[in-house]
PDB file of N, CA and C in Angstrom:
ATOM      1  N   MET A   1      57.212 130.768  44.203  1.00  0.00           N
ATOM      2  CA  MET A   1      58.476 130.358  43.341  1.00  0.00           C
ATOM      3  C   MET A   1      57.907 130.395  41.900  1.00  0.00           C
ATOM      4  N   HIS A   2      58.780 131.095  41.278  1.00  0.00           N
ATOM      5  CA  HIS A   2      58.549 131.298  39.735  1.00  0.00           C
ATOM      6  C   HIS A   2      58.724 129.856  38.956  1.00  0.00           C
ATOM      7  N   ALA A   3      58.145 129.727  37.720  1.00  0.00           N
ATOM      8  CA  ALA A   3      58.386 128.646  36.848  1.00  0.00           C
ATOM      9  C   ALA A   3      59.850 128.392  36.460  1.00  0.00           C
ATOM     10  N   ARG A   4      60.490 129.379  36.451  1.00  0.00           N
ATOM     11  CA  ARG A   4      61.818 129.482  36.051  1.00  0.00           C
ATOM     12  C   ARG A   4      62.806 128.844  37.107  1.00  0.00           C
ATOM     13  N   GLU A   5      62.574 129.110  38.176  1.00  0.00           N
ATOM     14  CA  GLU A   5      63.244 128.503  39.305  1.00  0.00           C
ATOM     15  C   GLU A   5      62.894 127.072  39.534  1.00  0.00           C
ATOM     16  N   LYS A   6      61.632 126.638  39.187  1.00  0.00           N
ATOM     17  CA  LYS A   6      61.451 125.227  39.389  1.00  0.00           C
ATOM     18  C   LYS A   6      62.228 124.256  38.363  1.00  0.00           C
ATOM     19  N   LEU A   7      62.405 124.851  37.231  1.00  0.00           N
ATOM     20  CA  LEU A   7      62.956 123.930  36.245  1.00  0.00           C
ATOM     21  C   LEU A   7      64.230 123.263  36.731  1.00  0.00           C
ATOM     22  N   GLY A   8      65.237 123.760  37.313  1.00  0.00           N
ATOM     23  CA  GLY A   8      66.469 123.083  37.477  1.00  0.00           C
ATOM     24  C   GLY A   8      66.602 122.839  39.158  1.00  0.00           C
ATOM     25  N   SER A   9      65.446 122.683  39.718  1.00  0.00           N
ATOM     26  CA  SER A   9      65.432 122.269  41.210  1.00  0.00           C
ATOM     27  C   SER A   9      65.315 120.960  41.576  1.00  0.00           C
ATOM     28  N   ILE A  10      65.717 120.610  42.711  1.00  0.00           N
ATOM     29  CA  ILE A  10      65.597 119.278  43.410  1.00  0.00           C
ATOM     30  C   ILE A  10      65.028 119.730  44.748  1.00  0.00           C
ATOM     31  N   GLY A  11      63.773 119.201  45.085  1.00  0.00           N
ATOM     32  CA  GLY A  11      63.209 119.870  46.248  1.00  0.00           C
ATOM     33  C   GLY A  11      62.690 121.174  46.178  1.00  0.00           C
ATOM     34  N   ASN A  12      63.102 122.111  47.052  1.00  0.00           N
ATOM     35  CA  ASN A  12      62.586 123.484  47.202  1.00  0.00           C
ATOM     36  C   ASN A  12      63.943 124.591  46.840  1.00  0.00           C
ATOM     37  N   THR A  13      64.914 123.881  46.713  1.00  0.00           N
ATOM     38  CA  THR A  13      66.250 124.688  46.393  1.00  0.00           C
ATOM     39  C   THR A  13      66.436 124.753  44.989  1.00  0.00           C
ATOM     40  N   PRO A  14      66.381 125.881  44.301  1.00  0.00           N
ATOM     41  CA  PRO A  14      66.734 126.057  42.826  1.00  0.00           C
ATOM     42  C   PRO A  14      68.345 125.739  42.654  1.00  0.00           C
ATOM     43  N   GLU A  15      68.655 125.112  41.603  1.00  0.00           N
ATOM     44  CA  GLU A  15      70.001 124.803  41.184  1.00  0.00           C
ATOM     45  C   GLU A  15      70.224 125.450  39.826  1.00  0.00           C
ATOM     46  N   ARG A  16      71.444 125.790  39.680  1.00  0.00           N
ATOM     47  CA  ARG A  16      71.942 126.239  38.287  1.00  0.00           C
ATOM     48  C   ARG A  16      72.379 125.168  37.507  1.00  0.00           C
ATOM     49  N   ALA A  17      72.169 125.071  36.236  1.00  0.00           N
ATOM     50  CA  ALA A  17      72.440 123.986  35.522  1.00  0.00           C
ATOM     51  C   ALA A  17      74.143 124.218  35.105  1.00  0.00           C
ATOM     52  N   ASN A  18      74.717 123.177  35.179  1.00  0.00           N
ATOM     53  CA  ASN A  18      76.106 123.015  34.903  1.00  0.00           C
ATOM     54  C   ASN A  18      76.474 121.881  34.068  1.00  0.00           C
ATOM     55  N   LEU A  19      77.658 121.919  33.342  1.00  0.00           N
ATOM     56  CA  LEU A  19      77.982 120.784  32.463  1.00  0.00           C
ATOM     57  C   LEU A  19      78.240 119.391  33.536  1.00  0.00           C
ATOM     58  N   PHE A  20      78.872 119.483  34.661  1.00  0.00           N
ATOM     59  CA  PHE A  20      79.015 118.064  35.238  1.00  0.00           C
ATOM     60  C   PHE A  20      77.507 117.591  35.720  1.00  0.00           C
ATOM     61  N   GLY A  21      76.717 118.561  36.174  1.00  0.00           N
ATOM     62  CA  GLY A  21      75.580 118.148  36.626  1.00  0.00           C
ATOM     63  C   GLY A  21      74.640 117.513  35.684  1.00  0.00           C
ATOM     64  N   ASP A  22      74.754 118.062  34.456  1.00  0.00           N
ATOM     65  CA  ASP A  22      73.823 117.591  33.378  1.00  0.00           C
ATOM     66  C   ASP A  22      74.369 116.131  32.759  1.00  0.00           C
ATOM     67  N   THR A  23      75.699 116.265  32.825  1.00  0.00           N
ATOM     68  CA  THR A  23      76.451 114.925  32.364  1.00  0.00           C
ATOM     69  C   THR A  23      76.066 113.914  33.336  1.00  0.00           C
ATOM     70  N   TRP A  24      76.144 114.089  34.467  1.00  0.00           N
ATOM     71  CA  TRP A  24      75.920 112.952  35.607  1.00  0.00           C
ATOM     72  C   TRP A  24      74.459 112.632  35.363  1.00  0.00           C
ATOM     73  N   ILE A  25      73.473 113.414  35.226  1.00  0.00           N
ATOM     74  CA  ILE A  25      72.076 112.907  35.044  1.00  0.00           C
ATOM     75  C   ILE A  25      72.072 112.093  33.749  1.00  0.00           C
ATOM     76  N   LEU A  26      72.653 112.431  32.591  1.00  0.00           N
ATOM     77  CA  LEU A  26      72.637 111.680  31.521  1.00  0.00           C
ATOM     78  C   LEU A  26      73.122 110.317  31.688  1.00  0.00           C
ATOM     79  N   VAL A  27      74.466 110.348  32.533  1.00  0.00           N
ATOM     80  CA  VAL A  27      75.155 108.941  32.698  1.00  0.00           C
ATOM     81  C   VAL A  27      74.391 108.081  33.698  1.00  0.00           C
ATOM     82  N   SER A  28      73.678 108.808  34.573  1.00  0.00           N
ATOM     83  CA  SER A  28      73.047 107.943  35.790  1.00  0.00           C
ATOM     84  C   SER A  28      71.727 107.479  35.324  1.00  0.00           C
ATOM     85  N   GLU A  29      71.024 108.258  34.311  1.00  0.00           N
ATOM     86  CA  GLU A  29      69.706 107.909  33.929  1.00  0.00           C
ATOM     87  C   GLU A  29      69.531 107.024  32.595  1.00  0.00           C
ATOM     88  N   ARG A  30      70.540 107.314  31.844  1.00  0.00           N
ATOM     89  CA  ARG A  30      70.506 106.736  30.454  1.00  0.00           C
ATOM     90  C   ARG A  30      71.814 106.025  30.114  1.00  0.00           C
ATOM     91  N   PRO A  31      72.190 104.899  30.591  1.00  0.00           N
ATOM     92  CA  PRO A  31      73.346 104.271  30.281  1.00  0.00           C
ATOM     93  C   PRO A  31      73.230 103.711  28.827  1.00  0.00           C
ATOM     94  N   VAL A  32      71.982 103.288  28.346  1.00  0.00           N
ATOM     95  CA  VAL A  32      71.973 102.873  27.050  1.00  0.00           C
ATOM     96  C   VAL A  32      72.482 104.036  25.960  1.00  0.00           C
ATOM     97  N   ARG A  33      72.161 105.286  26.382  1.00  0.00           N
ATOM     98  CA  ARG A  33      72.623 106.397  25.344  1.00  0.00           C
ATOM     99  C   ARG A  33      74.175 106.399  25.434  1.00  0.00           C
ATOM    100  N   ILE A  34      74.799 106.131  26.534  1.00  0.00           N
ATOM    101  CA  ILE A  34      76.309 106.110  26.520  1.00  0.00           C
ATOM    102  C   ILE A  34      76.775 105.046  25.628  1.00  0.00           C
ATOM    103  N   GLY A  35      76.150 103.862  25.660  1.00  0.00           N
ATOM    104  CA  GLY A  35      76.590 102.824  25.065  1.00  0.00           C
ATOM    105  C   GLY A  35      76.529 102.977  23.659  1.00  0.00           C
ATOM    106  N   ILE A  36      75.301 103.365  23.083  1.00  0.00           N
ATOM    107  CA  ILE A  36      74.901 103.817  21.750  1.00  0.00           C
ATOM    108  C   ILE A  36      75.931 104.951  21.378  1.00  0.00           C
ATOM    109  N   GLY A  37      76.336 105.868  22.150  1.00  0.00           N
ATOM    110  CA  GLY A  37      77.381 106.920  21.754  1.00  0.00           C
ATOM    111  C   GLY A  37      78.546 106.352  21.519  1.00  0.00           C
ATOM    112  N   VAL A  38      78.985 105.315  22.394  1.00  0.00           N
ATOM    113  CA  VAL A  38      80.368 104.737  22.298  1.00  0.00           C
ATOM    114  C   VAL A  38      80.372 103.990  20.916  1.00  0.00           C
ATOM    115  N   LEU A  39      79.300 103.359  20.691  1.00  0.00           N
ATOM    116  CA  LEU A  39      79.429 102.518  19.460  1.00  0.00           C
ATOM    117  C   LEU A  39      79.436 103.251  18.176  1.00  0.00           C
ATOM    118  N   VAL A  40      78.647 104.432  18.178  1.00  0.00           N
ATOM    119  CA  VAL A  40      78.778 105.313  17.052  1.00  0.00           C
ATOM    120  C   VAL A  40      79.988 106.024  16.946  1.00  0.00           C
ATOM    121  N   THR A  41      80.686 106.331  17.943  1.00  0.00           N
ATOM    122  CA  THR A  41      82.213 106.906  17.971  1.00  0.00           C
ATOM    123  C   THR A  41      83.031 105.986  17.426  1.00  0.00           C
ATOM    124  N   LEU A  42      82.848 104.715  17.954  1.00  0.00           N
ATOM    125  CA  LEU A  42      83.915 103.649  17.259  1.00  0.00           C
ATOM    126  C   LEU A  42      83.714 103.417  15.715  1.00  0.00           C
ATOM    127  N   TRP A  43      82.354 103.502  15.304  1.00  0.00           N
ATOM    128  CA  TRP A  43      81.983 103.176  13.849  1.00  0.00           C
ATOM    129  C   TRP A  43      82.569 104.399  13.189  1.00  0.00           C
ATOM    130  N   ILE A  44      82.311 105.605  13.459  1.00  0.00           N
ATOM    131  CA  ILE A  44      82.935 106.690  12.750  1.00  0.00           C
ATOM    132  C   ILE A  44      84.382 106.680  12.660  1.00  0.00           C
ATOM    133  N   SER A  45      85.002 106.304  13.781  1.00  0.00           N
ATOM    134  CA  SER A  45      86.476 106.417  13.756  1.00  0.00           C
ATOM    135  C   SER A  45      86.955 105.264  12.835  1.00  0.00           C
ATOM    136  N   TRP A  46      86.309 104.146  12.749  1.00  0.00           N
ATOM    137  CA  TRP A  46      86.754 103.088  11.989  1.00  0.00           C
ATOM    138  C   TRP A  46      86.474 103.453  10.399  1.00  0.00           C
ATOM    139  N   ARG A  47      85.471 104.098  10.264  1.00  0.00           N
ATOM    140  CA  ARG A  47      85.188 104.575   8.856  1.00  0.00           C
ATOM    141  C   ARG A  47      86.198 105.673   8.515  1.00  0.00           C
ATOM    142  N   HIS A  48      86.740 106.422   9.251  1.00  0.00           N
ATOM    143  CA  HIS A  48      87.663 107.288   8.991  1.00  0.00           C
ATOM    144  C   HIS A  48      89.154 106.619   8.580  1.00  0.00           C
ATOM    145  N   LEU A  49      89.359 105.464   9.323  1.00  0.00           N
ATOM    146  CA  LEU A  49      90.496 104.739   9.081  1.00  0.00           C
ATOM    147  C   LEU A  49      90.425 104.085   7.746  1.00  0.00           C
ATOM    148  N   LEU A  50      89.213 103.902   7.361  1.00  0.00           N
ATOM    149  CA  LEU A  50      89.222 103.130   5.954  1.00  0.00           C
ATOM    150  C   LEU A  50      89.053 103.883   4.761  1.00  0.00           C
ATOM    151  N   VAL A  51      88.681 105.084   4.945  1.00  0.00           N
ATOM    152  CA  VAL A  51      88.532 106.016   3.794  1.00  0.00           C
ATOM    153  C   VAL A  51      89.834 106.112   2.804  1.00  0.00           C
ATOM    154  N   PRO A  52      90.934 106.321   3.423  1.00  0.00           N
ATOM    155  CA  PRO A  52      92.269 106.387   2.597  1.00  0.00           C
ATOM    156  C   PRO A  52      92.507 104.998   1.782  1.00  0.00           C
ATOM    157  N   ALA A  53      92.180 104.044   2.483  1.00  0.00           N
ATOM    158  CA  ALA A  53      92.296 102.760   1.765  1.00  0.00           C
ATOM    159  C   ALA A  53      91.283 102.672   0.404  1.00  0.00           C
ATOM    160  N   LEU A  54      90.089 103.103   0.704  1.00  0.00           N
ATOM    161  CA  LEU A  54      89.092 103.204  -0.400  1.00  0.00           C
ATOM    162  C   LEU A  54      89.412 104.138  -1.559  1.00  0.00           C
ATOM    163  N   VAL A  55      89.914 105.153  -1.059  1.00  0.00           N
ATOM    164  CA  VAL A  55      90.359 106.111  -2.155  1.00  0.00           C
ATOM    165  C   VAL A  55      91.416 105.684  -3.164  1.00  0.00           C
ATOM    166  N   LEU A  56      92.529 104.993  -2.578  1.00  0.00           N
ATOM    167  CA  LEU A  56      93.441 104.398  -3.356  1.00  0.00           C
ATOM    168  C   LEU A  56      92.834 103.324  -3.990  1.00  0.00           C
ATOM    169  N   ASP A  57      91.951 102.491  -3.575  1.00  0.00           N
ATOM    170  CA  ASP A  57      91.402 101.340  -4.402  1.00  0.00           C
ATOM    171  C   ASP A  57      90.762 101.775  -5.636  1.00  0.00           C
ATOM    172  N   PHE A  58      90.198 102.740  -5.733  1.00  0.00           N
ATOM    173  CA  PHE A  58      89.262 103.381  -6.810  1.00  0.00           C
ATOM    174  C   PHE A  58      90.033 104.382  -7.680  1.00  0.00           C
ATOM    175  N   VAL A  59      91.224 104.131  -7.897  1.00  0.00           N
ATOM    176  CA  VAL A  59      91.849 104.947  -8.918  1.00  0.00           C
ATOM    177  C   VAL A  59      91.300 104.686 -10.160  1.00  0.00           C
ATOM    178  N   PRO A  60      90.972 105.732 -11.006  1.00  0.00           N
ATOM    179  CA  PRO A  60      90.542 105.508 -12.286  1.00  0.00           C
ATOM    180  C   PRO A  60      91.744 105.193 -13.381  1.00  0.00           C
ATOM    181  N   PRO A  61      91.351 104.126 -14.146  1.00  0.00           N
ATOM    182  CA  PRO A  61      92.463 103.867 -15.029  1.00  0.00           C
ATOM    183  C   PRO A  61      92.690 104.828 -15.992  1.00  0.00           C
ATOM    184  N   ALA A  62      93.985 104.864 -16.688  1.00  0.00           N
ATOM    185  CA  ALA A  62      94.211 106.004 -17.535  1.00  0.00           C
ATOM    186  C   ALA A  62      93.556 105.599 -18.946  1.00  0.00           C
ATOM    187  N   MET A  63      92.822 106.650 -19.556  1.00  0.00           N
ATOM    188  CA  MET A  63      92.165 106.458 -20.825  1.00  0.00           C
ATOM    189  C   MET A  63      91.868 107.884 -21.520  1.00  0.00           C
ATOM    190  N   SER A  64      91.906 107.749 -22.751  1.00  0.00           N
ATOM    191  CA  SER A  64      91.942 108.960 -23.465  1.00  0.00           C
ATOM    192  C   SER A  64      90.563 109.529 -23.281  1.00  0.00           C
ATOM    193  N   ALA A  65      90.619 110.946 -23.635  1.00  0.00           N
ATOM    194  CA  ALA A  65      89.422 111.797 -23.308  1.00  0.00           C
ATOM    195  C   ALA A  65      88.112 111.440 -24.151  1.00  0.00           C
ATOM    196  N   LEU A  66      88.376 110.942 -25.304  1.00  0.00           N
ATOM    197  CA  LEU A  66      87.339 110.454 -26.305  1.00  0.00           C
ATOM    198  C   LEU A  66      86.598 109.229 -25.739  1.00  0.00           C
ATOM    199  N   GLN A  67      87.397 108.329 -25.319  1.00  0.00           N
ATOM    200  CA  GLN A  67      86.990 107.032 -24.550  1.00  0.00           C
ATOM    201  C   GLN A  67      86.091 107.414 -23.380  1.00  0.00           C
ATOM    202  N   PHE A  68      86.727 108.361 -22.597  1.00  0.00           N
ATOM    203  CA  PHE A  68      85.965 108.840 -21.381  1.00  0.00           C
ATOM    204  C   PHE A  68      84.755 109.308 -21.478  1.00  0.00           C
ATOM    205  N   TRP A  69      84.564 110.302 -22.698  1.00  0.00           N
ATOM    206  CA  TRP A  69      83.328 110.879 -22.858  1.00  0.00           C
ATOM    207  C   TRP A  69      82.329 110.009 -23.567  1.00  0.00           C
ATOM    208  N   ARG A  70      82.684 108.848 -24.157  1.00  0.00           N
ATOM    209  CA  ARG A  70      81.815 108.098 -24.795  1.00  0.00           C
ATOM    210  C   ARG A  70      81.211 107.046 -23.713  1.00  0.00           C
ATOM    211  N   GLU A  71      82.031 106.681 -22.742  1.00  0.00           N
ATOM    212  CA  GLU A  71      81.486 105.916 -21.850  1.00  0.00           C
ATOM    213  C   GLU A  71      80.572 106.569 -20.574  1.00  0.00           C
ATOM    214  N   ILE A  72      81.100 107.750 -20.429  1.00  0.00           N
ATOM    215  CA  ILE A  72      80.246 108.639 -19.404  1.00  0.00           C
ATOM    216  C   ILE A  72      78.989 108.979 -20.076  1.00  0.00           C
ATOM    217  N   SER A  73      78.891 109.135 -21.429  1.00  0.00           N
ATOM    218  CA  SER A  73      77.616 109.330 -22.159  1.00  0.00           C
ATOM    219  C   SER A  73      76.769 108.175 -22.169  1.00  0.00           C
ATOM    220  N   ALA A  74      77.375 107.037 -22.365  1.00  0.00           N
ATOM    221  CA  ALA A  74      76.617 105.729 -22.337  1.00  0.00           C
ATOM    222  C   ALA A  74      75.989 105.566 -20.939  1.00  0.00           C
ATOM    223  N   VAL A  75      76.716 105.658 -19.858  1.00  0.00           N
ATOM    224  CA  VAL A  75      76.289 105.583 -18.404  1.00  0.00           C
ATOM    225  C   VAL A  75      75.192 106.422 -18.119  1.00  0.00           C
ATOM    226  N   ALA A  76      75.382 107.727 -18.614  1.00  0.00           N
ATOM    227  CA  ALA A  76      74.262 108.760 -18.273  1.00  0.00           C
ATOM    228  C   ALA A  76      72.973 108.408 -18.976  1.00  0.00           C
ATOM    229  N   CYS A  77      73.036 107.903 -20.332  1.00  0.00           N
ATOM    230  CA  CYS A  77      71.936 107.579 -20.854  1.00  0.00           C
ATOM    231  C   CYS A  77      71.159 106.243 -20.351  1.00  0.00           C
ATOM    232  N   CYS A  78      71.922 105.332 -19.743  1.00  0.00           N
ATOM    233  CA  CYS A  78      71.331 104.283 -19.175  1.00  0.00           C
ATOM    234  C   CYS A  78      70.431 104.573 -18.010  1.00  0.00           C
ATOM    235  N   GLN A  79      71.167 105.776 -17.240  1.00  0.00           N
ATOM    236  CA  GLN A  79      70.614 105.958 -15.803  1.00  0.00           C
ATOM    237  C   GLN A  79      69.492 107.246 -16.046  1.00  0.00           C
ATOM    238  N   LEU A  80      69.388 107.691 -17.103  1.00  0.00           N
ATOM    239  CA  LEU A  80      68.404 108.546 -17.470  1.00  0.00           C
ATOM    240  C   LEU A  80      67.072 107.945 -18.152  1.00  0.00           C
ATOM    241  N   GLY A  81      67.355 106.649 -18.671  1.00  0.00           N
ATOM    242  CA  GLY A  81      66.280 105.835 -19.335  1.00  0.00           C
ATOM    243  C   GLY A  81      66.309 106.102 -20.874  1.00  0.00           C
ATOM    244  N   PHE A  82      67.175 106.560 -21.381  1.00  0.00           N
ATOM    245  CA  PHE A  82      67.185 106.892 -22.947  1.00  0.00           C
ATOM    246  C   PHE A  82      67.588 105.492 -23.784  1.00  0.00           C
TER     247      PHE A  82
END
């Protein structure tokens, strides 16, 4: 029996990999992974629901171009340590 035949086998009969079989192995052997996957999915979904609210909350105030460049220059100087 070649090494390639041993990889997906149970006992002495080689099996071909398939999506259902691989998914079942992950489900039956690693329930913690499924729980973490569900939590991550819920967290990402919740974040996607909050993004539009955050975008609308941080609308920049109306100001003149001169005031904008003066303030952005002050912020850049403070961040760069000048």
